[in-house]
C-alpha atoms as a PDB file:
ATOM      1  CA  MET A   1      32.224-191.800 -44.577  1.00  0.00           C
ATOM      2  CA  GLY A   2      31.641-193.032 -48.126  1.00  0.00           C
ATOM      3  CA  PRO A   3      29.369-195.068 -50.387  1.00  0.00           C
ATOM      4  CA  VAL A   4      28.437-198.666 -49.568  1.00  0.00           C
ATOM      5  CA  LEU A   5      29.373-200.854 -52.523  1.00  0.00           C
ATOM      6  CA  THR A   6      29.299-204.539 -53.399  1.00  0.00           C
ATOM      7  CA  GLY A   7      30.531-206.845 -56.154  1.00  0.00           C
ATOM      8  CA  GLU A   8      31.974-205.406 -59.341  1.00  0.00           C
ATOM      9  CA  ALA A   9      31.066-201.827 -58.371  1.00  0.00           C
ATOM     10  CA  LEU A  10      33.335-202.225 -55.344  1.00  0.00           C
ATOM     11  CA  VAL A  11      36.203-203.642 -57.406  1.00  0.00           C
ATOM     12  CA  ARG A  12      35.874-200.823 -59.978  1.00  0.00           C
ATOM     13  CA  ALA A  13      35.949-198.165 -57.248  1.00  0.00           C
ATOM     14  CA  LEU A  14      39.244-199.549 -55.952  1.00  0.00           C
ATOM     15  CA  SER A  15      40.990-200.256 -59.241  1.00  0.00           C
ATOM     16  CA  GLY A  16      44.267-198.411 -59.707  1.00  0.00           C
ATOM     17  CA  HIS A  17      44.439-197.061 -56.148  1.00  0.00           C
ATOM     18  CA  PRO A  18      46.235-198.144 -52.982  1.00  0.00           C
ATOM     19  CA  VAL A  19      43.725-200.041 -50.821  1.00  0.00           C
ATOM     20  CA  VAL A  20      43.505-200.513 -47.061  1.00  0.00           C
ATOM     21  CA  ALA A  21      40.995-203.118 -45.858  1.00  0.00           C
ATOM     22  CA  VAL A  22      39.843-202.962 -42.246  1.00  0.00           C
ATOM     23  CA  GLY A  23      38.144-206.175 -41.172  1.00  0.00           C
ATOM     24  CA  ASP A  24      38.608-209.853 -41.866  1.00  0.00           C
ATOM     25  CA  TYR A  25      35.614-210.394 -44.109  1.00  0.00           C
ATOM     26  CA  CYS A  26      36.421-207.286 -46.124  1.00  0.00           C
ATOM     27  CA  ALA A  27      40.113-208.209 -46.526  1.00  0.00           C
ATOM     28  CA  ALA A  28      39.324-211.801 -47.521  1.00  0.00           C
ATOM     29  CA  ASP A  29      36.649-210.734 -49.999  1.00  0.00           C
ATOM     30  CA  LEU A  30      38.885-208.165 -51.693  1.00  0.00           C
ATOM     31  CA  LEU A  31      41.869-210.509 -51.895  1.00  0.00           C
ATOM     32  CA  GLN A  32      39.675-213.260 -53.365  1.00  0.00           C
ATOM     33  CA  ARG A  33      38.445-210.781 -55.983  1.00  0.00           C
ATOM     34  CA  GLY A  34      42.046-210.028 -56.948  1.00  0.00           C
ATOM     35  CA  VAL A  35      42.233-206.570 -55.348  1.00  0.00           C
ATOM     36  CA  PRO A  36      45.786-205.992 -54.085  1.00  0.00           C
ATOM     37  CA  LEU A  37      45.923-204.609 -50.559  1.00  0.00           C
ATOM     38  CA  ARG A  38      48.458-202.101 -49.301  1.00  0.00           C
ATOM     39  CA  VAL A  39      47.376-202.830 -45.715  1.00  0.00           C
ATOM     40  CA  ALA A  40      44.976-205.410 -44.275  1.00  0.00           C
ATOM     41  CA  VAL A  41      43.879-204.752 -40.685  1.00  0.00           C
ATOM     42  CA  ILE A  42      42.397-207.899 -39.197  1.00  0.00           C
ATOM     43  CA  ASP A  43      41.612-209.472 -35.828  1.00  0.00           C
ATOM     44  CA  HIS A  44      40.571-212.974 -36.969  1.00  0.00           C
ATOM     45  CA  LYS A  45      36.950-212.208 -36.090  1.00  0.00           C
ATOM     46  CA  THR A  46      33.814-211.281 -37.995  1.00  0.00           C
ATOM     47  CA  LYS A  47      30.840-209.920 -36.078  1.00  0.00           C
ATOM     48  CA  ARG A  48      32.835-210.692 -32.922  1.00  0.00           C
ATOM     49  CA  ARG A  49      33.064-214.407 -33.773  1.00  0.00           C
ATOM     50  CA  LYS A  50      36.239-216.326 -34.620  1.00  0.00           C
ATOM     51  CA  ASP A  51      36.918-216.154 -38.369  1.00  0.00           C
ATOM     52  CA  ASP A  52      40.087-217.399 -40.056  1.00  0.00           C
ATOM     53  CA  ARG A  53      38.874-217.182 -43.665  1.00  0.00           C
ATOM     54  CA  VAL A  54      41.399-214.482 -44.562  1.00  0.00           C
ATOM     55  CA  ALA A  55      44.288-216.770 -43.570  1.00  0.00           C
ATOM     56  CA  SER A  56      43.122-219.282 -46.193  1.00  0.00           C
ATOM     57  CA  VAL A  57      43.482-216.770 -49.045  1.00  0.00           C
ATOM     58  CA  PRO A  58      46.907-217.315 -50.700  1.00  0.00           C
ATOM     59  CA  GLN A  59      47.511-213.590 -51.326  1.00  0.00           C
ATOM     60  CA  PHE A  60      47.179-212.922 -47.587  1.00  0.00           C
ATOM     61  CA  ALA A  61      50.385-214.841 -46.865  1.00  0.00           C
ATOM     62  CA  LYS A  62      52.272-212.507 -49.229  1.00  0.00           C
ATOM     63  CA  LEU A  63      51.565-209.496 -47.001  1.00  0.00           C
ATOM     64  CA  ARG A  64      54.273-208.773 -44.410  1.00  0.00           C
ATOM     65  CA  PRO A  65      52.910-209.599 -40.950  1.00  0.00           C
ATOM     66  CA  MET A  66      52.863-207.098 -38.098  1.00  0.00           C
ATOM     67  CA  ALA A  67      51.123-207.683 -34.771  1.00  0.00           C
ATOM     68  CA  VAL A  68      49.679-205.188 -32.332  1.00  0.00           C
ATOM     69  CA  THR A  69      47.402-205.204 -29.314  1.00  0.00           C
ATOM     70  CA  ASN A  70      44.339-202.975 -29.474  1.00  0.00           C
ATOM     71  CA  PRO A  71      41.619-203.506 -26.855  1.00  0.00           C
ATOM     72  CA  ALA A  72      37.955-203.216 -27.845  1.00  0.00           C
ATOM     73  CA  GLY A  73      36.522-199.714 -27.936  1.00  0.00           C
ATOM     74  CA  ILE A  74      39.796-197.797 -28.086  1.00  0.00           C
ATOM     75  CA  ILE A  75      42.560-196.819 -30.469  1.00  0.00           C
ATOM     76  CA  ALA A  76      45.798-197.828 -28.776  1.00  0.00           C
ATOM     77  CA  LYS A  77      48.884-195.705 -29.343  1.00  0.00           C
ATOM     78  CA  ALA A  78      50.713-198.875 -30.420  1.00  0.00           C
ATOM     79  CA  ALA A  79      48.056-199.546 -33.086  1.00  0.00           C
ATOM     80  CA  TRP A  80      48.362-195.987 -34.407  1.00  0.00           C
ATOM     81  CA  GLU A  81      52.160-196.365 -34.554  1.00  0.00           C
ATOM     82  CA  ALA A  82      51.909-199.762 -36.268  1.00  0.00           C
ATOM     83  CA  LEU A  83      49.653-198.320 -38.964  1.00  0.00           C
ATOM     84  CA  ASP A  84      52.083-195.444 -39.439  1.00  0.00           C
ATOM     85  CA  GLN A  85      54.950-197.950 -39.849  1.00  0.00           C
ATOM     86  CA  ALA A  86      52.882-199.991 -42.286  1.00  0.00           C
ATOM     87  CA  PHE A  87      52.348-196.980 -44.545  1.00  0.00           C
ATOM     88  CA  LYS A  88      55.974-195.881 -44.295  1.00  0.00           C
ATOM     89  CA  SER A  89      57.281-199.383 -45.096  1.00  0.00           C
ATOM     90  CA  GLY A  90      56.254-199.224 -48.747  1.00  0.00           C
ATOM     91  CA  GLU A  91      55.301-202.917 -48.531  1.00  0.00           C
ATOM     92  CA  GLY A  92      52.013-204.749 -48.439  1.00  0.00           C
ATOM     93  CA  VAL A  93      51.325-205.332 -44.735  1.00  0.00           C
ATOM     94  CA  ARG A  94      48.864-207.379 -42.743  1.00  0.00           C
ATOM     95  CA  LEU A  95      48.327-205.826 -39.345  1.00  0.00           C
ATOM     96  CA  GLU A  96      47.112-208.629 -37.106  1.00  0.00           C
ATOM     97  CA  VAL A  97      45.318-207.135 -34.135  1.00  0.00           C
ATOM     98  CA  ILE A  98      45.112-208.879 -30.805  1.00  0.00           C
ATOM     99  CA  GLY A  99      41.885-207.465 -29.459  1.00  0.00           C
ATOM    100  CA  GLU A 100      39.633-205.561 -31.852  1.00  0.00           C
ATOM    101  CA  GLU A 101      40.268-203.729 -35.119  1.00  0.00           C
ATOM    102  CA  ASP A 102      36.912-201.954 -35.558  1.00  0.00           C
ATOM    103  CA  LEU A 103      38.008-198.407 -34.702  1.00  0.00           C
ATOM    104  CA  LEU A 104      41.285-198.674 -36.623  1.00  0.00           C
ATOM    105  CA  ALA A 105      39.624-197.440 -39.797  1.00  0.00           C
ATOM    106  CA  LEU A 106      39.905-193.951 -38.283  1.00  0.00           C
ATOM    107  CA  PRO A 107      43.706-193.873 -37.895  1.00  0.00           C
ATOM    108  CA  ALA A 108      44.029-195.691 -41.230  1.00  0.00           C
ATOM    109  CA  ILE A 109      42.204-192.791 -42.882  1.00  0.00           C
ATOM    110  CA  ALA A 110      44.177-190.201 -40.892  1.00  0.00           C
ATOM    111  CA  LEU A 111      47.528-191.755 -41.846  1.00  0.00           C
ATOM    112  CA  ALA A 112      46.915-192.971 -45.399  1.00  0.00           C
ATOM    113  CA  PRO A 113      48.289-190.997 -48.326  1.00  0.00           C
ATOM    114  CA  ASP A 114      45.758-188.981 -50.324  1.00  0.00           C
ATOM    115  CA  GLY A 115      44.123-191.092 -53.002  1.00  0.00           C
ATOM    116  CA  THR A 116      44.157-194.252 -50.887  1.00  0.00           C
ATOM    117  CA  ARG A 117      40.880-196.137 -50.607  1.00  0.00           C
ATOM    118  CA  VAL A 118      40.124-197.291 -47.066  1.00  0.00           C
ATOM    119  CA  VAL A 119      37.473-199.991 -47.081  1.00  0.00           C
ATOM    120  CA  TYR A 120      35.568-201.358 -44.098  1.00  0.00           C
ATOM    121  CA  GLY A 121      32.516-203.549 -43.839  1.00  0.00           C
ATOM    122  CA  GLN A 122      28.974-202.378 -43.262  1.00  0.00           C
ATOM    123  CA  PRO A 123      27.477-205.601 -41.859  1.00  0.00           C
ATOM    124  CA  ASP A 124      24.867-207.248 -44.087  1.00  0.00           C
ATOM    125  CA  GLU A 125      25.058-204.370 -46.603  1.00  0.00           C
ATOM    126  CA  GLY A 126      28.465-204.215 -48.287  1.00  0.00           C
ATOM    127  CA  ALA A 127      31.702-202.300 -47.966  1.00  0.00           C
ATOM    128  CA  VAL A 128      32.140-198.608 -47.238  1.00  0.00           C
ATOM    129  CA  VAL A 129      34.745-197.010 -49.508  1.00  0.00           C
ATOM    130  CA  VAL A 130      36.462-193.909 -48.162  1.00  0.00           C
ATOM    131  CA  VAL A 131      38.521-191.898 -50.649  1.00  0.00           C
ATOM    132  CA  VAL A 132      41.274-190.335 -48.569  1.00  0.00           C
ATOM    133  CA  ASP A 133      41.778-186.617 -49.124  1.00  0.00           C
ATOM    134  CA  ALA A 134      42.238-183.514 -46.980  1.00  0.00           C
ATOM    135  CA  ALA A 135      38.493-183.079 -46.379  1.00  0.00           C
ATOM    136  CA  VAL A 136      37.915-186.629 -45.130  1.00  0.00           C
ATOM    137  CA  LYS A 137      41.035-186.389 -42.960  1.00  0.00           C
ATOM    138  CA  ARG A 138      39.553-183.255 -41.324  1.00  0.00           C
ATOM    139  CA  ARG A 139      36.277-185.134 -40.682  1.00  0.00           C
ATOM    140  CA  VAL A 140      38.190-188.032 -39.116  1.00  0.00           C
ATOM    141  CA  GLN A 141      40.280-185.682 -36.996  1.00  0.00           C
ATOM    142  CA  ALA A 142      37.090-184.067 -35.685  1.00  0.00           C
ATOM    143  CA  ILE A 143      35.808-187.522 -34.669  1.00  0.00           C
ATOM    144  CA  LEU A 144      39.126-188.398 -33.038  1.00  0.00           C
ATOM    145  CA  ASP A 145      39.157-185.086 -31.155  1.00  0.00           C
ATOM    146  CA  ARG A 146      35.739-185.897 -29.659  1.00  0.00           C
ATOM    147  CA  MET A 147      37.007-189.317 -28.546  1.00  0.00           C
ATOM    148  CA  VAL A 148      39.886-187.973 -26.457  1.00  0.00           C
END
């Protein structure tokens, strides 16, 4: 969906834009690098193993908590609605998922305002940066349509 970036190249690509991080490792890394997050979507797991590193980052506590259940391998209606509320709130939000957050990058892209950067991890490679615009939203909608 976008380039895989690491380190300072990643920070530069996000600078000056609203950022949504999907995944615990990604959210923790960005917060530790000083990147403000509009939304952090986490499930307290990395590579399906318990991971609470994001909770130890002071900036994480400043994000308004929301909780939602989203089973593995699906996009629950409640998760979609929670993401929609997070964007409409105008606040920094941490969406804490009971279950699995992996597929929630898709509704995050579909719901995010144009210009938002949605970032998710590419294991052992870096972070994928998706620049939200009408074209990428159409691509995501095509994927979502095939999932139904």
